[in-house]
Amino acid sequence: MPAKAPNIPDAVADKLVALGQQIRDHRKAMRISATVVAEAAGMSRVTLHRIENGEPSVTIGAYLNAMEALGVDFDMIKPVTADNQMKDERNDMIPARIHLTEYPQLKKLAWQVHGTDALTPMEALSIYERNRRYIDTEALETHEQQLIDALRLGLGGLNGTV
């Protein structure tokens, strides 16, 4: 049974709701189910739901565990844009949409993709995996290697280094 919510000022309650909403938006932008995040954070799906609703009776440790499971630092939460894409300054985060213009090797590998200039993380990982032997590791930029590492870590795949 959940703990009784402490009496908190409205301003604090509003901040908890905003934090919970940002955690939910980040999870959805990454297209990760609540069940997966809850399991990774070592909590029940109900507790994650309470966190995403900003309930004050949930411990700060549970909030931080949920954020850690999503790879988010406490001071790094940023709002999600209207098109559900994170404006990401961290190198180990996976953007919701991967723009081909930002990743030269991916753009070369995705020559057959027409009608879009952005891919989902799963599409990008699939292209990297299928065309691994064609990746020019000498020309691979640091931010693109970081993207590949984040995709491998977050979504699984690409066994070994690229």
N, C-alpha and C. Protein backbone atom coordinates (compact mmCIF):
# COMPACT_ATOMS: atom_id res chain seq x y z
N MET A 1 0.84 -1.18 0.00
CA MET A 1 0.00 0.00 0.00
C MET A 1 0.88 1.24 0.00
N PRO A 2 0.58 2.22 -0.85
CA PRO A 2 1.42 3.42 -0.92
C PRO A 2 1.42 4.20 0.38
N ALA A 3 2.53 4.87 0.63
CA ALA A 3 2.64 5.70 1.81
C ALA A 3 1.71 6.90 1.69
N LYS A 4 1.35 7.46 2.84
CA LYS A 4 0.49 8.64 2.85
C LYS A 4 1.31 9.81 2.32
N ALA A 5 0.70 10.58 1.43
CA ALA A 5 1.39 11.73 0.83
C ALA A 5 1.62 12.81 1.88
N PRO A 6 2.83 13.36 1.93
CA PRO A 6 3.09 14.44 2.88
C PRO A 6 2.38 15.73 2.44
N ASN A 7 2.18 16.61 3.39
CA ASN A 7 1.62 17.92 3.04
C ASN A 7 2.73 18.75 2.42
N ILE A 8 2.50 19.18 1.20
CA ILE A 8 3.51 19.98 0.50
C ILE A 8 2.83 21.19 -0.12
N PRO A 9 3.58 22.28 -0.30
CA PRO A 9 3.02 23.47 -0.94
C PRO A 9 2.64 23.18 -2.40
N ASP A 10 1.71 23.93 -2.91
CA ASP A 10 1.26 23.76 -4.30
C ASP A 10 2.41 23.89 -5.29
N ALA A 11 3.35 24.80 -5.02
CA ALA A 11 4.48 24.99 -5.94
C ALA A 11 5.33 23.72 -6.03
N VAL A 12 5.52 23.05 -4.91
CA VAL A 12 6.29 21.80 -4.89
C VAL A 12 5.52 20.70 -5.62
N ALA A 13 4.22 20.63 -5.37
CA ALA A 13 3.39 19.64 -6.05
C ALA A 13 3.44 19.84 -7.56
N ASP A 14 3.40 21.10 -8.00
CA ASP A 14 3.48 21.39 -9.43
C ASP A 14 4.81 20.94 -10.02
N LYS A 15 5.89 21.12 -9.26
CA LYS A 15 7.21 20.68 -9.73
C LYS A 15 7.29 19.17 -9.83
N LEU A 16 6.71 18.46 -8.89
CA LEU A 16 6.69 16.99 -8.95
C LEU A 16 5.89 16.51 -10.15
N VAL A 17 4.77 17.14 -10.41
CA VAL A 17 3.96 16.77 -11.58
C VAL A 17 4.75 17.03 -12.86
N ALA A 18 5.44 18.18 -12.91
CA ALA A 18 6.25 18.50 -14.10
C ALA A 18 7.39 17.49 -14.26
N LEU A 19 8.04 17.11 -13.15
CA LEU A 19 9.11 16.12 -13.21
C LEU A 19 8.58 14.79 -13.70
N GLY A 20 7.47 14.36 -13.15
CA GLY A 20 6.86 13.10 -13.60
C GLY A 20 6.49 13.14 -15.07
N GLN A 21 5.95 14.26 -15.52
CA GLN A 21 5.58 14.40 -16.93
C GLN A 21 6.82 14.35 -17.83
N GLN A 22 7.91 14.97 -17.38
CA GLN A 22 9.15 14.94 -18.17
C GLN A 22 9.71 13.52 -18.24
N ILE A 23 9.63 12.79 -17.14
CA ILE A 23 10.09 11.40 -17.14
C ILE A 23 9.24 10.59 -18.12
N ARG A 24 7.92 10.76 -18.08
CA ARG A 24 7.03 10.05 -19.00
C ARG A 24 7.33 10.45 -20.46
N ASP A 25 7.46 11.76 -20.72
CA ASP A 25 7.74 12.22 -22.08
C ASP A 25 9.06 11.66 -22.60
N HIS A 26 10.06 11.62 -21.73
CA HIS A 26 11.36 11.08 -22.13
C HIS A 26 11.25 9.59 -22.46
N ARG A 27 10.54 8.85 -21.63
CA ARG A 27 10.34 7.42 -21.86
C ARG A 27 9.61 7.19 -23.18
N LYS A 28 8.59 7.96 -23.42
CA LYS A 28 7.82 7.80 -24.66
C LYS A 28 8.63 8.23 -25.88
N ALA A 29 9.43 9.28 -25.73
CA ALA A 29 10.27 9.72 -26.84
C ALA A 29 11.28 8.64 -27.22
N MET A 30 11.72 7.89 -26.23
CA MET A 30 12.66 6.80 -26.48
C MET A 30 11.94 5.53 -26.91
N ARG A 31 10.61 5.57 -26.87
CA ARG A 31 9.78 4.43 -27.25
C ARG A 31 10.08 3.18 -26.42
N ILE A 32 10.13 3.40 -25.11
CA ILE A 32 10.37 2.30 -24.18
C ILE A 32 9.10 2.12 -23.35
N SER A 33 8.66 0.90 -23.20
CA SER A 33 7.44 0.65 -22.44
C SER A 33 7.67 0.91 -20.96
N ALA A 34 6.59 1.23 -20.28
CA ALA A 34 6.64 1.48 -18.84
C ALA A 34 7.09 0.23 -18.09
N THR A 35 6.67 -0.92 -18.56
CA THR A 35 7.05 -2.18 -17.91
C THR A 35 8.55 -2.39 -17.95
N VAL A 36 9.16 -2.11 -19.09
CA VAL A 36 10.61 -2.29 -19.24
C VAL A 36 11.36 -1.32 -18.32
N VAL A 37 10.92 -0.06 -18.28
CA VAL A 37 11.59 0.91 -17.41
C VAL A 37 11.41 0.52 -15.95
N ALA A 38 10.21 0.11 -15.57
CA ALA A 38 9.97 -0.28 -14.18
C ALA A 38 10.87 -1.45 -13.78
N GLU A 39 10.99 -2.45 -14.64
CA GLU A 39 11.85 -3.59 -14.33
C GLU A 39 13.31 -3.16 -14.22
N ALA A 40 13.74 -2.29 -15.14
CA ALA A 40 15.13 -1.82 -15.10
C ALA A 40 15.41 -0.99 -13.86
N ALA A 41 14.40 -0.30 -13.36
CA ALA A 41 14.56 0.54 -12.17
C ALA A 41 14.33 -0.23 -10.88
N GLY A 42 13.93 -1.50 -10.98
CA GLY A 42 13.71 -2.31 -9.79
C GLY A 42 12.47 -1.92 -9.01
N MET A 43 11.42 -1.57 -9.74
CA MET A 43 10.17 -1.17 -9.09
C MET A 43 8.99 -1.76 -9.85
N SER A 44 7.82 -1.63 -9.28
CA SER A 44 6.62 -2.12 -9.95
C SER A 44 6.17 -1.11 -11.00
N ARG A 45 5.36 -1.59 -11.91
CA ARG A 45 4.78 -0.72 -12.94
C ARG A 45 3.90 0.35 -12.29
N VAL A 46 3.23 -0.02 -11.20
CA VAL A 46 2.37 0.92 -10.48
C VAL A 46 3.20 2.06 -9.89
N THR A 47 4.36 1.75 -9.31
CA THR A 47 5.22 2.79 -8.76
C THR A 47 5.69 3.74 -9.87
N LEU A 48 6.07 3.19 -11.02
CA LEU A 48 6.47 4.06 -12.13
C LEU A 48 5.30 4.95 -12.54
N HIS A 49 4.11 4.40 -12.58
CA HIS A 49 2.93 5.19 -12.93
C HIS A 49 2.74 6.33 -11.93
N ARG A 50 2.93 6.04 -10.65
CA ARG A 50 2.82 7.07 -9.61
C ARG A 50 3.89 8.14 -9.79
N ILE A 51 5.10 7.73 -10.17
CA ILE A 51 6.18 8.69 -10.44
C ILE A 51 5.80 9.59 -11.60
N GLU A 52 5.32 8.98 -12.68
CA GLU A 52 4.97 9.76 -13.88
C GLU A 52 3.78 10.69 -13.62
N ASN A 53 3.00 10.42 -12.57
CA ASN A 53 1.92 11.32 -12.18
C ASN A 53 2.37 12.35 -11.15
N GLY A 54 3.63 12.27 -10.71
CA GLY A 54 4.18 13.25 -9.78
C GLY A 54 3.68 13.11 -8.36
N GLU A 55 3.37 11.91 -7.93
CA GLU A 55 2.85 11.72 -6.58
C GLU A 55 3.96 11.95 -5.54
N PRO A 56 3.69 12.78 -4.53
CA PRO A 56 4.71 13.12 -3.54
C PRO A 56 5.03 12.01 -2.56
N SER A 57 4.20 10.98 -2.45
CA SER A 57 4.47 9.91 -1.49
C SER A 57 5.54 8.94 -1.98
N VAL A 58 5.90 9.02 -3.25
CA VAL A 58 6.95 8.16 -3.80
C VAL A 58 8.31 8.73 -3.36
N THR A 59 9.22 7.87 -2.93
CA THR A 59 10.51 8.35 -2.45
C THR A 59 11.34 8.96 -3.57
N ILE A 60 12.20 9.86 -3.21
CA ILE A 60 13.09 10.49 -4.20
C ILE A 60 14.01 9.44 -4.82
N GLY A 61 14.34 8.40 -4.04
CA GLY A 61 15.16 7.32 -4.56
C GLY A 61 14.48 6.60 -5.71
N ALA A 62 13.18 6.42 -5.62
CA ALA A 62 12.44 5.77 -6.70
C ALA A 62 12.43 6.66 -7.94
N TYR A 63 12.25 7.97 -7.75
CA TYR A 63 12.32 8.89 -8.88
C TYR A 63 13.68 8.77 -9.56
N LEU A 64 14.74 8.79 -8.75
CA LEU A 64 16.09 8.72 -9.32
C LEU A 64 16.36 7.38 -9.97
N ASN A 65 15.84 6.28 -9.42
CA ASN A 65 15.99 4.97 -10.06
C ASN A 65 15.33 4.95 -11.43
N ALA A 66 14.15 5.53 -11.54
CA ALA A 66 13.45 5.60 -12.83
C ALA A 66 14.25 6.42 -13.83
N MET A 67 14.80 7.54 -13.36
CA MET A 67 15.60 8.39 -14.25
C MET A 67 16.88 7.67 -14.68
N GLU A 68 17.49 6.96 -13.76
CA GLU A 68 18.72 6.21 -14.07
C GLU A 68 18.43 5.12 -15.10
N ALA A 69 17.29 4.46 -14.96
CA ALA A 69 16.92 3.42 -15.92
C ALA A 69 16.74 3.99 -17.31
N LEU A 70 16.36 5.27 -17.39
CA LEU A 70 16.19 5.94 -18.69
C LEU A 70 17.48 6.62 -19.15
N GLY A 71 18.52 6.59 -18.31
CA GLY A 71 19.79 7.23 -18.67
C GLY A 71 19.74 8.74 -18.58
N VAL A 72 18.95 9.26 -17.64
CA VAL A 72 18.77 10.70 -17.49
C VAL A 72 19.39 11.15 -16.18
N ASP A 73 20.21 12.20 -16.22
CA ASP A 73 20.73 12.80 -15.00
C ASP A 73 19.67 13.74 -14.44
N PHE A 74 19.67 13.88 -13.13
CA PHE A 74 18.66 14.72 -12.48
C PHE A 74 18.66 16.13 -13.06
N ASP A 75 19.82 16.69 -13.29
CA ASP A 75 19.89 18.06 -13.80
C ASP A 75 19.85 18.14 -15.32
N MET A 76 19.67 17.01 -15.99
CA MET A 76 19.71 16.99 -17.45
C MET A 76 18.33 16.84 -18.09
N ILE A 77 17.26 16.78 -17.31
CA ILE A 77 15.95 16.60 -17.91
C ILE A 77 15.59 17.87 -18.67
N LYS A 78 15.22 17.69 -19.90
CA LYS A 78 14.82 18.81 -20.74
C LYS A 78 13.46 18.46 -21.33
N PRO A 79 12.65 19.49 -21.61
CA PRO A 79 11.35 19.21 -22.19
C PRO A 79 11.47 18.58 -23.57
N VAL A 80 10.48 17.79 -23.91
CA VAL A 80 10.42 17.17 -25.23
C VAL A 80 9.74 18.16 -26.16
N THR A 81 10.26 18.31 -27.38
CA THR A 81 9.67 19.22 -28.34
C THR A 81 8.36 18.66 -28.87
N ALA A 82 7.64 19.47 -29.61
CA ALA A 82 6.32 19.09 -30.12
C ALA A 82 6.38 17.82 -30.97
N ASP A 83 7.45 17.62 -31.73
CA ASP A 83 7.54 16.42 -32.56
C ASP A 83 8.16 15.25 -31.81
N ASN A 84 8.19 15.37 -30.45
CA ASN A 84 8.65 14.28 -29.59
C ASN A 84 10.12 13.95 -29.77
N GLN A 85 10.91 14.94 -30.12
CA GLN A 85 12.34 14.72 -30.30
C GLN A 85 13.09 15.42 -29.19
N MET A 86 13.99 14.72 -28.54
CA MET A 86 14.77 15.31 -27.48
C MET A 86 15.87 16.17 -28.08
N LYS A 87 16.04 17.38 -27.57
CA LYS A 87 17.19 18.19 -27.92
C LYS A 87 18.28 17.77 -26.95
N ASP A 88 19.09 16.86 -27.39
CA ASP A 88 19.97 16.13 -26.50
C ASP A 88 21.38 16.69 -26.54
N GLU A 89 21.91 17.03 -25.36
CA GLU A 89 23.29 17.48 -25.26
C GLU A 89 24.18 16.38 -24.71
N ARG A 90 23.59 15.30 -24.21
CA ARG A 90 24.38 14.20 -23.70
C ARG A 90 24.78 13.30 -24.85
N ASN A 91 25.98 12.75 -24.75
CA ASN A 91 26.49 11.92 -25.83
C ASN A 91 25.99 10.48 -25.77
N ASP A 92 25.47 10.04 -24.63
CA ASP A 92 25.06 8.65 -24.51
C ASP A 92 23.55 8.46 -24.61
N MET A 93 22.85 9.48 -25.05
CA MET A 93 21.40 9.41 -25.18
C MET A 93 21.02 9.09 -26.62
N ILE A 94 19.90 8.43 -26.79
CA ILE A 94 19.40 8.10 -28.12
C ILE A 94 18.30 9.10 -28.46
N PRO A 95 18.47 9.87 -29.55
CA PRO A 95 17.40 10.79 -29.93
C PRO A 95 16.19 10.02 -30.44
N ALA A 96 15.01 10.63 -30.35
CA ALA A 96 13.78 9.98 -30.82
C ALA A 96 13.81 9.83 -32.34
N ARG A 97 14.38 10.78 -33.04
CA ARG A 97 14.54 10.71 -34.50
C ARG A 97 16.00 11.00 -34.80
N ILE A 98 16.59 10.18 -35.66
CA ILE A 98 18.00 10.33 -36.01
C ILE A 98 18.07 10.93 -37.41
N HIS A 99 18.55 12.16 -37.48
CA HIS A 99 18.61 12.89 -38.75
C HIS A 99 19.86 12.47 -39.53
N LEU A 100 19.64 12.04 -40.75
CA LEU A 100 20.73 11.53 -41.59
C LEU A 100 21.80 12.58 -41.83
N THR A 101 21.43 13.85 -41.91
CA THR A 101 22.41 14.90 -42.18
C THR A 101 23.43 15.05 -41.05
N GLU A 102 23.08 14.59 -39.85
CA GLU A 102 23.99 14.71 -38.70
C GLU A 102 24.96 13.54 -38.58
N TYR A 103 24.72 12.47 -39.35
CA TYR A 103 25.54 11.26 -39.24
C TYR A 103 25.97 10.82 -40.64
N PRO A 104 27.14 11.28 -41.10
CA PRO A 104 27.59 11.02 -42.47
C PRO A 104 27.68 9.54 -42.85
N GLN A 105 28.18 8.70 -41.96
CA GLN A 105 28.30 7.28 -42.28
C GLN A 105 26.91 6.65 -42.43
N LEU A 106 26.01 7.00 -41.55
CA LEU A 106 24.65 6.48 -41.63
C LEU A 106 23.98 6.94 -42.93
N LYS A 107 24.23 8.18 -43.30
CA LYS A 107 23.65 8.69 -44.54
C LYS A 107 24.14 7.89 -45.75
N LYS A 108 25.43 7.55 -45.75
CA LYS A 108 25.97 6.74 -46.85
C LYS A 108 25.38 5.33 -46.84
N LEU A 109 25.21 4.77 -45.65
CA LEU A 109 24.68 3.42 -45.54
C LEU A 109 23.18 3.36 -45.87
N ALA A 110 22.49 4.47 -45.67
CA ALA A 110 21.04 4.51 -45.88
C ALA A 110 20.68 5.08 -47.25
N TRP A 111 21.49 4.80 -48.25
CA TRP A 111 21.27 5.34 -49.59
C TRP A 111 19.93 4.90 -50.16
N GLN A 112 19.42 3.76 -49.72
CA GLN A 112 18.17 3.23 -50.27
C GLN A 112 16.93 3.83 -49.61
N VAL A 113 17.10 4.61 -48.57
CA VAL A 113 15.97 5.21 -47.87
C VAL A 113 15.55 6.47 -48.60
N HIS A 114 14.31 6.52 -49.03
CA HIS A 114 13.80 7.66 -49.78
C HIS A 114 12.59 8.25 -49.06
N GLY A 115 12.40 9.54 -49.20
CA GLY A 115 11.21 10.20 -48.68
C GLY A 115 11.30 10.64 -47.24
N THR A 116 12.44 10.47 -46.60
CA THR A 116 12.60 10.92 -45.23
C THR A 116 14.06 11.30 -44.99
N ASP A 117 14.25 12.23 -44.09
CA ASP A 117 15.62 12.60 -43.73
C ASP A 117 15.94 12.21 -42.30
N ALA A 118 15.03 11.46 -41.67
CA ALA A 118 15.24 11.03 -40.29
C ALA A 118 14.74 9.59 -40.12
N LEU A 119 15.41 8.87 -39.23
CA LEU A 119 15.07 7.47 -38.97
C LEU A 119 14.75 7.31 -37.49
N THR A 120 14.02 6.25 -37.18
CA THR A 120 13.84 5.89 -35.77
C THR A 120 15.13 5.22 -35.29
N PRO A 121 15.35 5.17 -34.00
CA PRO A 121 16.54 4.48 -33.50
C PRO A 121 16.64 3.03 -33.97
N MET A 122 15.52 2.31 -34.01
CA MET A 122 15.55 0.92 -34.46
C MET A 122 15.94 0.83 -35.94
N GLU A 123 15.43 1.75 -36.77
CA GLU A 123 15.80 1.74 -38.19
C GLU A 123 17.29 2.02 -38.36
N ALA A 124 17.81 2.99 -37.60
CA ALA A 124 19.23 3.32 -37.68
C ALA A 124 20.09 2.14 -37.24
N LEU A 125 19.73 1.51 -36.13
CA LEU A 125 20.48 0.36 -35.64
C LEU A 125 20.46 -0.76 -36.68
N SER A 126 19.32 -0.99 -37.27
CA SER A 126 19.20 -2.04 -38.29
C SER A 126 20.11 -1.75 -39.48
N ILE A 127 20.16 -0.50 -39.92
CA ILE A 127 21.03 -0.14 -41.05
C ILE A 127 22.50 -0.30 -40.67
N TYR A 128 22.87 0.16 -39.47
CA TYR A 128 24.25 -0.02 -39.02
C TYR A 128 24.60 -1.51 -38.96
N GLU A 129 23.72 -2.34 -38.43
CA GLU A 129 24.02 -3.77 -38.30
C GLU A 129 24.14 -4.45 -39.65
N ARG A 130 23.19 -4.19 -40.54
CA ARG A 130 23.19 -4.85 -41.85
C ARG A 130 24.39 -4.45 -42.70
N ASN A 131 24.86 -3.21 -42.52
CA ASN A 131 25.92 -2.68 -43.38
C ASN A 131 27.22 -2.45 -42.62
N ARG A 132 27.39 -3.17 -41.54
CA ARG A 132 28.54 -2.99 -40.66
C ARG A 132 29.88 -3.04 -41.41
N ARG A 133 29.99 -3.94 -42.36
CA ARG A 133 31.26 -4.11 -43.07
C ARG A 133 31.61 -2.92 -43.96
N TYR A 134 30.62 -2.05 -44.25
CA TYR A 134 30.85 -0.89 -45.11
C TYR A 134 31.14 0.39 -44.34
N ILE A 135 31.12 0.32 -43.01
CA ILE A 135 31.38 1.51 -42.21
C ILE A 135 32.87 1.83 -42.27
N ASP A 136 33.16 3.06 -42.65
CA ASP A 136 34.54 3.53 -42.71
C ASP A 136 34.94 4.01 -41.32
N THR A 137 35.58 3.14 -40.55
CA THR A 137 35.91 3.47 -39.16
C THR A 137 36.90 4.63 -39.06
N GLU A 138 37.71 4.82 -40.09
CA GLU A 138 38.67 5.94 -40.09
C GLU A 138 37.94 7.28 -40.20
N ALA A 139 36.83 7.31 -40.93
CA ALA A 139 36.08 8.55 -41.14
C ALA A 139 34.94 8.72 -40.15
N LEU A 140 34.76 7.77 -39.24
CA LEU A 140 33.67 7.82 -38.29
C LEU A 140 33.90 8.94 -37.27
N GLU A 141 32.99 9.89 -37.23
CA GLU A 141 33.11 11.01 -36.30
C GLU A 141 32.75 10.55 -34.88
N THR A 142 33.26 11.27 -33.90
CA THR A 142 33.07 10.89 -32.51
C THR A 142 31.59 10.81 -32.15
N HIS A 143 30.80 11.80 -32.54
CA HIS A 143 29.38 11.79 -32.17
C HIS A 143 28.63 10.64 -32.84
N GLU A 144 29.09 10.20 -34.01
CA GLU A 144 28.42 9.07 -34.66
C GLU A 144 28.80 7.76 -33.95
N GLN A 145 30.04 7.64 -33.53
CA GLN A 145 30.45 6.45 -32.76
C GLN A 145 29.66 6.40 -31.45
N GLN A 146 29.45 7.57 -30.84
CA GLN A 146 28.67 7.62 -29.60
C GLN A 146 27.22 7.21 -29.85
N LEU A 147 26.67 7.60 -31.00
CA LEU A 147 25.32 7.18 -31.35
C LEU A 147 25.26 5.66 -31.50
N ILE A 148 26.22 5.09 -32.20
CA ILE A 148 26.25 3.64 -32.40
C ILE A 148 26.35 2.93 -31.05
N ASP A 149 27.22 3.44 -30.17
CA ASP A 149 27.37 2.84 -28.84
C ASP A 149 26.07 2.93 -28.05
N ALA A 150 25.39 4.08 -28.12
CA ALA A 150 24.12 4.26 -27.40
C ALA A 150 23.04 3.34 -27.96
N LEU A 151 22.99 3.20 -29.29
CA LEU A 151 22.02 2.30 -29.90
C LEU A 151 22.28 0.87 -29.47
N ARG A 152 23.55 0.48 -29.49
CA ARG A 152 23.91 -0.89 -29.09
C ARG A 152 23.55 -1.13 -27.64
N LEU A 153 23.86 -0.19 -26.78
CA LEU A 153 23.57 -0.33 -25.36
C LEU A 153 22.07 -0.29 -25.08
N GLY A 154 21.38 0.67 -25.69
CA GLY A 154 19.97 0.88 -25.40
C GLY A 154 19.03 -0.10 -26.08
N LEU A 155 19.39 -0.54 -27.28
CA LEU A 155 18.48 -1.38 -28.05
C LEU A 155 19.02 -2.78 -28.30
N GLY A 156 20.27 -2.99 -27.96
CA GLY A 156 20.89 -4.30 -28.19
C GLY A 156 21.36 -4.42 -29.62
N GLY A 157 22.39 -5.19 -29.81
CA GLY A 157 22.89 -5.40 -31.16
C GLY A 157 24.30 -4.90 -31.34
N LEU A 158 24.80 -5.00 -32.56
CA LEU A 158 26.15 -4.61 -32.93
C LEU A 158 27.18 -5.16 -31.95
N ASN A 159 27.21 -6.46 -31.82
CA ASN A 159 28.17 -7.08 -30.92
C ASN A 159 29.57 -6.76 -31.39
N GLY A 160 30.36 -6.24 -30.51
CA GLY A 160 31.72 -5.81 -30.86
C GLY A 160 31.73 -4.34 -31.22
N THR A 161 32.91 -3.81 -31.44
CA THR A 161 33.03 -2.38 -31.73
C THR A 161 32.95 -2.15 -33.23
N VAL A 162 32.48 -0.96 -33.55
CA VAL A 162 32.41 -0.53 -34.96
C VAL A 162 33.50 0.47 -35.18
